[in-house]
Amino acid sequence: MSRLNSFYLAPEKWTAPFILDGNEARHMGKVLRTCKGDTVRLFDGCGRDGLFTVGEISKSRAELSLIKENKNPELRGLTLAIGWNKSSRRNWIFEKSVELEARGLIFFQSEFSQGKVPAQVKESWNEKLIAAAKQCGNPWLPELQTVSGTVEKLLEVSKNYSHKLILWEKADGDTVPDISVFAKESTLAVIGPEGGFSPREAELLINGGFEPCSLGNSILRWETAALLCLGAAYLERQQLPRR
């Protein structure tokens, strides 16, 4: 059986009559040339997905009838906080965070950041997440957040997490974490920008309850460190029973 085409329908629109419009409808009707009577998959990014029959359809609007709805269990575990970088690899980490089922991504202002972190999450970032979710089938989108100001602002955000790690190049090489921590409920792992953390930032985070951890002897780029954490969390979750 061929894989069904997937489309994103925002949670607030997930109600009968089901109407797909905007870019998603244009992609359905104009690009993929979906026809009346076809079966498609919709997801809302908050754990719901379902099979739908396409009704009346134009190049900018589609009516759909629900066949079957699934409510998938909430993702466990890992939120990554990444020091802001001017990097072409940011789009790449959006994609991998969806594929590897991250719970959230936070971009924060660090003393060594290149440029200023945006005050608000950009719509283009959500579009990258949605595109990745269509490809991999994950019904959950990571929660995106930006934290302006200093690392003290990140400390305020971190109060909502039960397990907190700082992945620090100056941590003792023997402090490689047990990877099971990445899959625990409410875990926040902080990764610095290309220049790493300043001594002041590292001290503040450690004194604020973050456990300093090493990812080994190699000096890793931020996106490599992020992928390593996401992959460890993903593999560890495969050993846990689905809720």
C-alpha atoms as a PDB file:
ATOM      1  CA  MET A   1       0.000   0.000   0.000  1.00  0.00           C
ATOM      2  CA  SER A   2       1.414   3.412  -0.971  1.00  0.00           C
ATOM      3  CA  ARG A   3       1.961   5.980   1.754  1.00  0.00           C
ATOM      4  CA  LEU A   4      -0.815   8.535   2.148  1.00  0.00           C
ATOM      5  CA  ASN A   5      -0.093  12.213   1.619  1.00  0.00           C
ATOM      6  CA  SER A   6      -0.090  14.165   4.897  1.00  0.00           C
ATOM      7  CA  PHE A   7      -1.335  17.692   5.583  1.00  0.00           C
ATOM      8  CA  TYR A   8      -1.300  19.962   8.614  1.00  0.00           C
ATOM      9  CA  LEU A   9      -4.550  21.236  10.134  1.00  0.00           C
ATOM     10  CA  ALA A  10      -4.081  23.558  13.115  1.00  0.00           C
ATOM     11  CA  PRO A  11      -5.599  22.384  16.438  1.00  0.00           C
ATOM     12  CA  GLU A  12      -8.148  25.214  16.524  1.00  0.00           C
ATOM     13  CA  LYS A  13      -9.455  24.103  13.112  1.00  0.00           C
ATOM     14  CA  TRP A  14      -9.686  20.428  14.050  1.00  0.00           C
ATOM     15  CA  THR A  15     -13.468  20.248  14.139  1.00  0.00           C
ATOM     16  CA  ALA A  16     -16.296  19.371  11.779  1.00  0.00           C
ATOM     17  CA  PRO A  17     -16.789  20.587   9.150  1.00  0.00           C
ATOM     18  CA  PHE A  18     -13.095  19.964   8.461  1.00  0.00           C
ATOM     19  CA  ILE A  19     -11.782  22.629   6.079  1.00  0.00           C
ATOM     20  CA  LEU A  20      -8.246  22.854   4.753  1.00  0.00           C
ATOM     21  CA  ASP A  21      -7.239  26.205   3.268  1.00  0.00           C
ATOM     22  CA  GLY A  22      -4.187  28.376   2.675  1.00  0.00           C
ATOM     23  CA  ASN A  23      -0.859  26.843   1.710  1.00  0.00           C
ATOM     24  CA  GLU A  24      -1.871  23.345   2.772  1.00  0.00           C
ATOM     25  CA  ALA A  25      -4.929  23.372   0.517  1.00  0.00           C
ATOM     26  CA  ARG A  26      -2.899  24.735  -2.384  1.00  0.00           C
ATOM     27  CA  HIS A  27      -0.348  21.988  -1.907  1.00  0.00           C
ATOM     28  CA  MET A  28      -3.118  19.400  -1.799  1.00  0.00           C
ATOM     29  CA  GLY A  29      -5.034  20.623  -4.827  1.00  0.00           C
ATOM     30  CA  LYS A  30      -2.513  22.343  -7.068  1.00  0.00           C
ATOM     31  CA  VAL A  31       0.770  20.540  -6.398  1.00  0.00           C
ATOM     32  CA  LEU A  32      -0.332  17.010  -5.532  1.00  0.00           C
ATOM     33  CA  ARG A  33      -3.499  17.174  -7.644  1.00  0.00           C
ATOM     34  CA  THR A  34      -5.568  15.428  -5.001  1.00  0.00           C
ATOM     35  CA  CYS A  35      -9.048  14.494  -6.215  1.00  0.00           C
ATOM     36  CA  LYS A  36     -12.475  14.261  -4.625  1.00  0.00           C
ATOM     37  CA  GLY A  37     -12.853  10.851  -2.997  1.00  0.00           C
ATOM     38  CA  ASP A  38      -9.145  10.410  -2.246  1.00  0.00           C
ATOM     39  CA  THR A  39      -8.026   9.399   1.240  1.00  0.00           C
ATOM     40  CA  VAL A  40      -5.444  11.587   2.985  1.00  0.00           C
ATOM     41  CA  ARG A  41      -3.871  11.916   6.429  1.00  0.00           C
ATOM     42  CA  LEU A  42      -4.165  15.072   8.528  1.00  0.00           C
ATOM     43  CA  PHE A  43      -2.348  15.920  11.775  1.00  0.00           C
ATOM     44  CA  ASP A  44      -2.575  18.862  14.166  1.00  0.00           C
ATOM     45  CA  GLY A  45       0.947  18.896  15.638  1.00  0.00           C
ATOM     46  CA  CYS A  46      -0.468  18.246  19.124  1.00  0.00           C
ATOM     47  CA  GLY A  47      -0.745  14.472  18.921  1.00  0.00           C
ATOM     48  CA  ARG A  48      -3.879  14.060  16.828  1.00  0.00           C
ATOM     49  CA  ASP A  49      -3.920  12.582  13.369  1.00  0.00           C
ATOM     50  CA  GLY A  50      -6.530  10.885  11.273  1.00  0.00           C
ATOM     51  CA  LEU A  51      -7.656   9.548   7.941  1.00  0.00           C
ATOM     52  CA  PHE A  52      -9.974  11.725   5.894  1.00  0.00           C
ATOM     53  CA  THR A  53     -11.917  11.498   2.666  1.00  0.00           C
ATOM     54  CA  VAL A  54     -11.558  14.507   0.383  1.00  0.00           C
ATOM     55  CA  GLY A  55     -14.848  16.165  -0.568  1.00  0.00           C
ATOM     56  CA  GLU A  56     -15.205  19.303  -2.639  1.00  0.00           C
ATOM     57  CA  ILE A  57     -11.768  20.611  -3.523  1.00  0.00           C
ATOM     58  CA  SER A  58     -10.346  23.621  -5.351  1.00  0.00           C
ATOM     59  CA  LYS A  59      -6.842  25.002  -5.641  1.00  0.00           C
ATOM     60  CA  SER A  60      -7.230  26.947  -2.383  1.00  0.00           C
ATOM     61  CA  ARG A  61      -9.789  25.048  -0.285  1.00  0.00           C
ATOM     62  CA  ALA A  62     -10.724  21.469   0.525  1.00  0.00           C
ATOM     63  CA  GLU A  63     -13.586  19.953   2.494  1.00  0.00           C
ATOM     64  CA  LEU A  64     -12.815  16.711   4.305  1.00  0.00           C
ATOM     65  CA  SER A  65     -14.774  14.009   6.121  1.00  0.00           C
ATOM     66  CA  LEU A  66     -13.223  12.187   9.060  1.00  0.00           C
ATOM     67  CA  ILE A  67     -12.840   8.429   8.679  1.00  0.00           C
ATOM     68  CA  LYS A  68     -10.752   7.625  11.738  1.00  0.00           C
ATOM     69  CA  GLU A  69      -9.015   9.727  14.396  1.00  0.00           C
ATOM     70  CA  ASN A  70      -5.994   8.792  16.517  1.00  0.00           C
ATOM     71  CA  LYS A  71      -4.861  10.506  19.713  1.00  0.00           C
ATOM     72  CA  ASN A  72      -1.199   9.722  20.227  1.00  0.00           C
ATOM     73  CA  PRO A  73       0.455   9.826  23.671  1.00  0.00           C
ATOM     74  CA  GLU A  74       2.399  12.944  24.574  1.00  0.00           C
ATOM     75  CA  LEU A  75       6.127  12.774  23.929  1.00  0.00           C
ATOM     76  CA  ARG A  76       8.390  12.175  26.880  1.00  0.00           C
ATOM     77  CA  GLY A  77      11.539  13.902  27.667  1.00  0.00           C
ATOM     78  CA  LEU A  78      13.931  16.119  25.898  1.00  0.00           C
ATOM     79  CA  THR A  79      13.833  19.847  25.297  1.00  0.00           C
ATOM     80  CA  LEU A  80      17.004  21.371  23.863  1.00  0.00           C
ATOM     81  CA  ALA A  81      18.062  24.925  24.684  1.00  0.00           C
ATOM     82  CA  ILE A  82      20.585  26.125  22.100  1.00  0.00           C
ATOM     83  CA  GLY A  83      22.673  29.282  22.242  1.00  0.00           C
ATOM     84  CA  TRP A  84      21.764  31.517  19.314  1.00  0.00           C
ATOM     85  CA  ASN A  85      23.979  31.218  16.238  1.00  0.00           C
ATOM     86  CA  LYS A  86      23.894  32.701  12.773  1.00  0.00           C
ATOM     87  CA  SER A  87      24.004  29.312  11.162  1.00  0.00           C
ATOM     88  CA  SER A  88      22.648  27.689   8.044  1.00  0.00           C
ATOM     89  CA  ARG A  89      22.348  24.500  10.096  1.00  0.00           C
ATOM     90  CA  ARG A  90      19.405  25.846  12.049  1.00  0.00           C
ATOM     91  CA  ASN A  91      16.932  24.589   9.434  1.00  0.00           C
ATOM     92  CA  TRP A  92      18.591  21.208   9.670  1.00  0.00           C
ATOM     93  CA  ILE A  93      18.047  21.006  13.432  1.00  0.00           C
ATOM     94  CA  PHE A  94      14.354  21.839  12.978  1.00  0.00           C
ATOM     95  CA  GLU A  95      14.053  18.809  10.717  1.00  0.00           C
ATOM     96  CA  LYS A  96      15.974  16.468  13.019  1.00  0.00           C
ATOM     97  CA  SER A  97      14.087  17.613  16.118  1.00  0.00           C
ATOM     98  CA  VAL A  98      10.842  16.422  14.526  1.00  0.00           C
ATOM     99  CA  GLU A  99      12.262  13.173  13.168  1.00  0.00           C
ATOM    100  CA  LEU A 100      13.776  12.315  16.562  1.00  0.00           C
ATOM    101  CA  GLU A 101      10.692  13.444  18.512  1.00  0.00           C
ATOM    102  CA  ALA A 102      12.065  16.310  20.581  1.00  0.00           C
ATOM    103  CA  ARG A 103       9.609  17.812  23.004  1.00  0.00           C
ATOM    104  CA  GLY A 104      10.844  21.355  22.467  1.00  0.00           C
ATOM    105  CA  LEU A 105      13.511  23.708  21.138  1.00  0.00           C
ATOM    106  CA  ILE A 106      14.569  26.905  22.901  1.00  0.00           C
ATOM    107  CA  PHE A 107      16.921  29.453  21.351  1.00  0.00           C
ATOM    108  CA  PHE A 108      18.538  31.681  23.973  1.00  0.00           C
ATOM    109  CA  GLN A 109      20.828  34.693  23.981  1.00  0.00           C
ATOM    110  CA  SER A 110      24.355  33.823  25.085  1.00  0.00           C
ATOM    111  CA  GLU A 111      27.338  36.084  25.638  1.00  0.00           C
ATOM    112  CA  PHE A 112      29.052  34.424  22.669  1.00  0.00           C
ATOM    113  CA  SER A 113      25.989  34.378  20.407  1.00  0.00           C
ATOM    114  CA  GLN A 114      26.376  35.622  16.847  1.00  0.00           C
ATOM    115  CA  GLY A 115      23.675  38.250  16.526  1.00  0.00           C
ATOM    116  CA  LYS A 116      20.499  38.730  18.534  1.00  0.00           C
ATOM    117  CA  VAL A 117      17.946  36.012  19.090  1.00  0.00           C
ATOM    118  CA  PRO A 118      14.551  37.081  17.668  1.00  0.00           C
ATOM    119  CA  ALA A 119      12.012  38.225  20.238  1.00  0.00           C
ATOM    120  CA  GLN A 120       9.365  35.948  18.716  1.00  0.00           C
ATOM    121  CA  VAL A 121       9.346  32.552  17.042  1.00  0.00           C
ATOM    122  CA  LYS A 122       9.364  32.999  13.269  1.00  0.00           C
ATOM    123  CA  GLU A 123       6.558  31.517  11.196  1.00  0.00           C
ATOM    124  CA  SER A 124       9.146  30.051   8.831  1.00  0.00           C
ATOM    125  CA  TRP A 125      10.466  27.937  11.707  1.00  0.00           C
ATOM    126  CA  ASN A 126       7.045  26.363  12.226  1.00  0.00           C
ATOM    127  CA  GLU A 127       6.829  25.740   8.494  1.00  0.00           C
ATOM    128  CA  LYS A 128      10.100  23.795   8.670  1.00  0.00           C
ATOM    129  CA  LEU A 129       8.707  21.664  11.504  1.00  0.00           C
ATOM    130  CA  ILE A 130       5.494  20.969   9.601  1.00  0.00           C
ATOM    131  CA  ALA A 131       7.381  19.944   6.466  1.00  0.00           C
ATOM    132  CA  ALA A 132       9.500  17.524   8.497  1.00  0.00           C
ATOM    133  CA  ALA A 133       6.436  16.086  10.257  1.00  0.00           C
ATOM    134  CA  LYS A 134       4.771  15.384   6.926  1.00  0.00           C
ATOM    135  CA  GLN A 135       7.813  13.448   5.818  1.00  0.00           C
ATOM    136  CA  CYS A 136       8.388  11.367   8.951  1.00  0.00           C
ATOM    137  CA  GLY A 137       4.815  10.939  10.200  1.00  0.00           C
ATOM    138  CA  ASN A 138       5.354  12.383  13.689  1.00  0.00           C
ATOM    139  CA  PRO A 139       1.977  13.814  14.860  1.00  0.00           C
ATOM    140  CA  TRP A 140       3.724  16.043  17.415  1.00  0.00           C
ATOM    141  CA  LEU A 141       5.571  19.281  16.660  1.00  0.00           C
ATOM    142  CA  PRO A 142       8.251  20.433  19.123  1.00  0.00           C
ATOM    143  CA  GLU A 143       7.309  23.520  21.097  1.00  0.00           C
ATOM    144  CA  LEU A 144       9.422  26.482  19.951  1.00  0.00           C
ATOM    145  CA  GLN A 145      10.533  29.294  22.238  1.00  0.00           C
ATOM    146  CA  THR A 146      13.034  32.165  22.175  1.00  0.00           C
ATOM    147  CA  VAL A 147      14.672  33.624  25.275  1.00  0.00           C
ATOM    148  CA  SER A 148      16.111  37.130  24.919  1.00  0.00           C
ATOM    149  CA  GLY A 149      18.314  38.945  27.406  1.00  0.00           C
ATOM    150  CA  THR A 150      20.946  37.089  29.434  1.00  0.00           C
ATOM    151  CA  VAL A 151      21.314  33.512  30.617  1.00  0.00           C
ATOM    152  CA  GLU A 152      19.436  34.547  33.771  1.00  0.00           C
ATOM    153  CA  LYS A 153      16.288  34.524  31.624  1.00  0.00           C
ATOM    154  CA  LEU A 154      17.005  30.917  30.692  1.00  0.00           C
ATOM    155  CA  LEU A 155      17.292  30.080  34.388  1.00  0.00           C
ATOM    156  CA  GLU A 156      13.755  31.375  34.890  1.00  0.00           C
ATOM    157  CA  VAL A 157      12.476  29.146  32.082  1.00  0.00           C
ATOM    158  CA  SER A 158      14.363  26.145  33.486  1.00  0.00           C
ATOM    159  CA  LYS A 159      12.271  26.154  36.669  1.00  0.00           C
ATOM    160  CA  ASN A 160       9.617  24.238  34.733  1.00  0.00           C
ATOM    161  CA  TYR A 161      11.916  21.221  34.225  1.00  0.00           C
ATOM    162  CA  SER A 162      12.696  18.320  36.549  1.00  0.00           C
ATOM    163  CA  HIS A 163      16.050  17.312  35.024  1.00  0.00           C
ATOM    164  CA  LYS A 164      18.567  19.906  33.824  1.00  0.00           C
ATOM    165  CA  LEU A 165      21.889  19.366  32.049  1.00  0.00           C
ATOM    166  CA  ILE A 166      24.532  21.743  30.729  1.00  0.00           C
ATOM    167  CA  LEU A 167      26.565  20.141  27.937  1.00  0.00           C
ATOM    168  CA  TRP A 168      29.856  21.874  28.549  1.00  0.00           C
ATOM    169  CA  GLU A 169      33.198  21.432  26.829  1.00  0.00           C
ATOM    170  CA  LYS A 170      35.000  22.101  30.127  1.00  0.00           C
ATOM    171  CA  ALA A 171      33.099  19.477  32.091  1.00  0.00           C
ATOM    172  CA  ASP A 172      35.147  16.563  33.388  1.00  0.00           C
ATOM    173  CA  GLY A 173      35.579  14.045  30.561  1.00  0.00           C
ATOM    174  CA  ASP A 174      34.366  11.326  32.916  1.00  0.00           C
ATOM    175  CA  THR A 175      30.977  13.015  33.376  1.00  0.00           C
ATOM    176  CA  VAL A 176      29.368  11.555  30.257  1.00  0.00           C
ATOM    177  CA  PRO A 177      25.698  11.245  31.268  1.00  0.00           C
ATOM    178  CA  ASP A 178      23.683   8.060  31.450  1.00  0.00           C
ATOM    179  CA  ILE A 179      21.687   8.402  28.226  1.00  0.00           C
ATOM    180  CA  SER A 180      18.505   7.388  30.027  1.00  0.00           C
ATOM    181  CA  VAL A 181      18.340  10.914  31.469  1.00  0.00           C
ATOM    182  CA  PHE A 182      17.620  12.303  27.998  1.00  0.00           C
ATOM    183  CA  ALA A 183      14.392  10.293  27.846  1.00  0.00           C
ATOM    184  CA  LYS A 184      13.113  11.130  31.333  1.00  0.00           C
ATOM    185  CA  GLU A 185      10.077  13.277  31.864  1.00  0.00           C
ATOM    186  CA  SER A 186      10.737  17.005  31.600  1.00  0.00           C
ATOM    187  CA  THR A 187      14.443  17.115  30.723  1.00  0.00           C
ATOM    188  CA  LEU A 188      16.198  20.298  29.575  1.00  0.00           C
ATOM    189  CA  ALA A 189      19.659  20.028  27.994  1.00  0.00           C
ATOM    190  CA  VAL A 190      21.523  23.278  27.298  1.00  0.00           C
ATOM    191  CA  ILE A 191      24.065  23.624  24.483  1.00  0.00           C
ATOM    192  CA  GLY A 192      26.154  26.745  23.976  1.00  0.00           C
ATOM    193  CA  PRO A 193      26.715  28.613  20.709  1.00  0.00           C
ATOM    194  CA  GLU A 194      29.845  28.131  18.585  1.00  0.00           C
ATOM    195  CA  GLY A 195      31.968  29.982  21.161  1.00  0.00           C
ATOM    196  CA  GLY A 196      30.641  27.905  24.042  1.00  0.00           C
ATOM    197  CA  PHE A 197      29.649  29.281  27.433  1.00  0.00           C
ATOM    198  CA  SER A 198      31.430  32.081  29.224  1.00  0.00           C
ATOM    199  CA  PRO A 199      32.737  31.174  32.710  1.00  0.00           C
ATOM    200  CA  ARG A 200      30.026  33.398  34.201  1.00  0.00           C
ATOM    201  CA  GLU A 201      27.258  31.633  32.276  1.00  0.00           C
ATOM    202  CA  ALA A 202      28.515  28.170  33.180  1.00  0.00           C
ATOM    203  CA  GLU A 203      28.747  29.125  36.854  1.00  0.00           C
ATOM    204  CA  LEU A 204      25.228  30.576  36.863  1.00  0.00           C
ATOM    205  CA  LEU A 205      23.718  27.513  35.221  1.00  0.00           C
ATOM    206  CA  ILE A 206      25.525  25.053  37.480  1.00  0.00           C
ATOM    207  CA  ASN A 207      24.573  27.027  40.589  1.00  0.00           C
ATOM    208  CA  GLY A 208      21.020  27.112  39.208  1.00  0.00           C
ATOM    209  CA  GLY A 209      20.719  23.333  39.311  1.00  0.00           C
ATOM    210  CA  PHE A 210      22.142  22.267  35.947  1.00  0.00           C
ATOM    211  CA  GLU A 211      24.348  19.186  36.029  1.00  0.00           C
ATOM    212  CA  PRO A 212      27.560  19.730  34.020  1.00  0.00           C
ATOM    213  CA  CYS A 213      28.065  16.921  31.516  1.00  0.00           C
ATOM    214  CA  SER A 214      30.524  16.031  28.792  1.00  0.00           C
ATOM    215  CA  LEU A 215      29.741  14.442  25.429  1.00  0.00           C
ATOM    216  CA  GLY A 216      33.223  12.965  25.144  1.00  0.00           C
ATOM    217  CA  ASN A 217      36.689  14.106  24.178  1.00  0.00           C
ATOM    218  CA  SER A 218      35.949  15.521  20.724  1.00  0.00           C
ATOM    219  CA  ILE A 219      35.157  19.202  20.304  1.00  0.00           C
ATOM    220  CA  LEU A 220      31.691  19.130  18.743  1.00  0.00           C
ATOM    221  CA  ARG A 221      29.888  21.744  16.711  1.00  0.00           C
ATOM    222  CA  TRP A 222      26.614  22.805  18.297  1.00  0.00           C
ATOM    223  CA  GLU A 223      24.503  20.927  15.760  1.00  0.00           C
ATOM    224  CA  THR A 224      26.513  17.729  16.306  1.00  0.00           C
ATOM    225  CA  ALA A 225      25.993  17.982  20.056  1.00  0.00           C
ATOM    226  CA  ALA A 226      22.291  18.627  19.518  1.00  0.00           C
ATOM    227  CA  LEU A 227      21.917  15.629  17.217  1.00  0.00           C
ATOM    228  CA  LEU A 228      23.776  13.391  19.657  1.00  0.00           C
ATOM    229  CA  CYS A 229      21.395  14.359  22.475  1.00  0.00           C
ATOM    230  CA  LEU A 230      18.306  13.952  20.299  1.00  0.00           C
ATOM    231  CA  GLY A 231      19.475  10.569  19.037  1.00  0.00           C
ATOM    232  CA  ALA A 232      20.260   9.304  22.534  1.00  0.00           C
ATOM    233  CA  ALA A 233      16.818  10.363  23.759  1.00  0.00           C
ATOM    234  CA  TYR A 234      15.089   8.792  20.773  1.00  0.00           C
ATOM    235  CA  LEU A 235      16.848   5.426  21.128  1.00  0.00           C
ATOM    236  CA  GLU A 236      16.266   5.329  24.866  1.00  0.00           C
ATOM    237  CA  ARG A 237      12.545   6.027  24.401  1.00  0.00           C
ATOM    238  CA  GLN A 238      12.247   3.026  22.109  1.00  0.00           C
ATOM    239  CA  GLN A 239      12.941   0.851  25.163  1.00  0.00           C
ATOM    240  CA  LEU A 240      10.106   2.427  27.152  1.00  0.00           C
ATOM    241  CA  PRO A 241       6.478   1.276  27.001  1.00  0.00           C
ATOM    242  CA  ARG A 242       4.198   3.515  24.966  1.00  0.00           C
ATOM    243  CA  ARG A 243       1.692   5.293  27.185  1.00  0.00           C
END
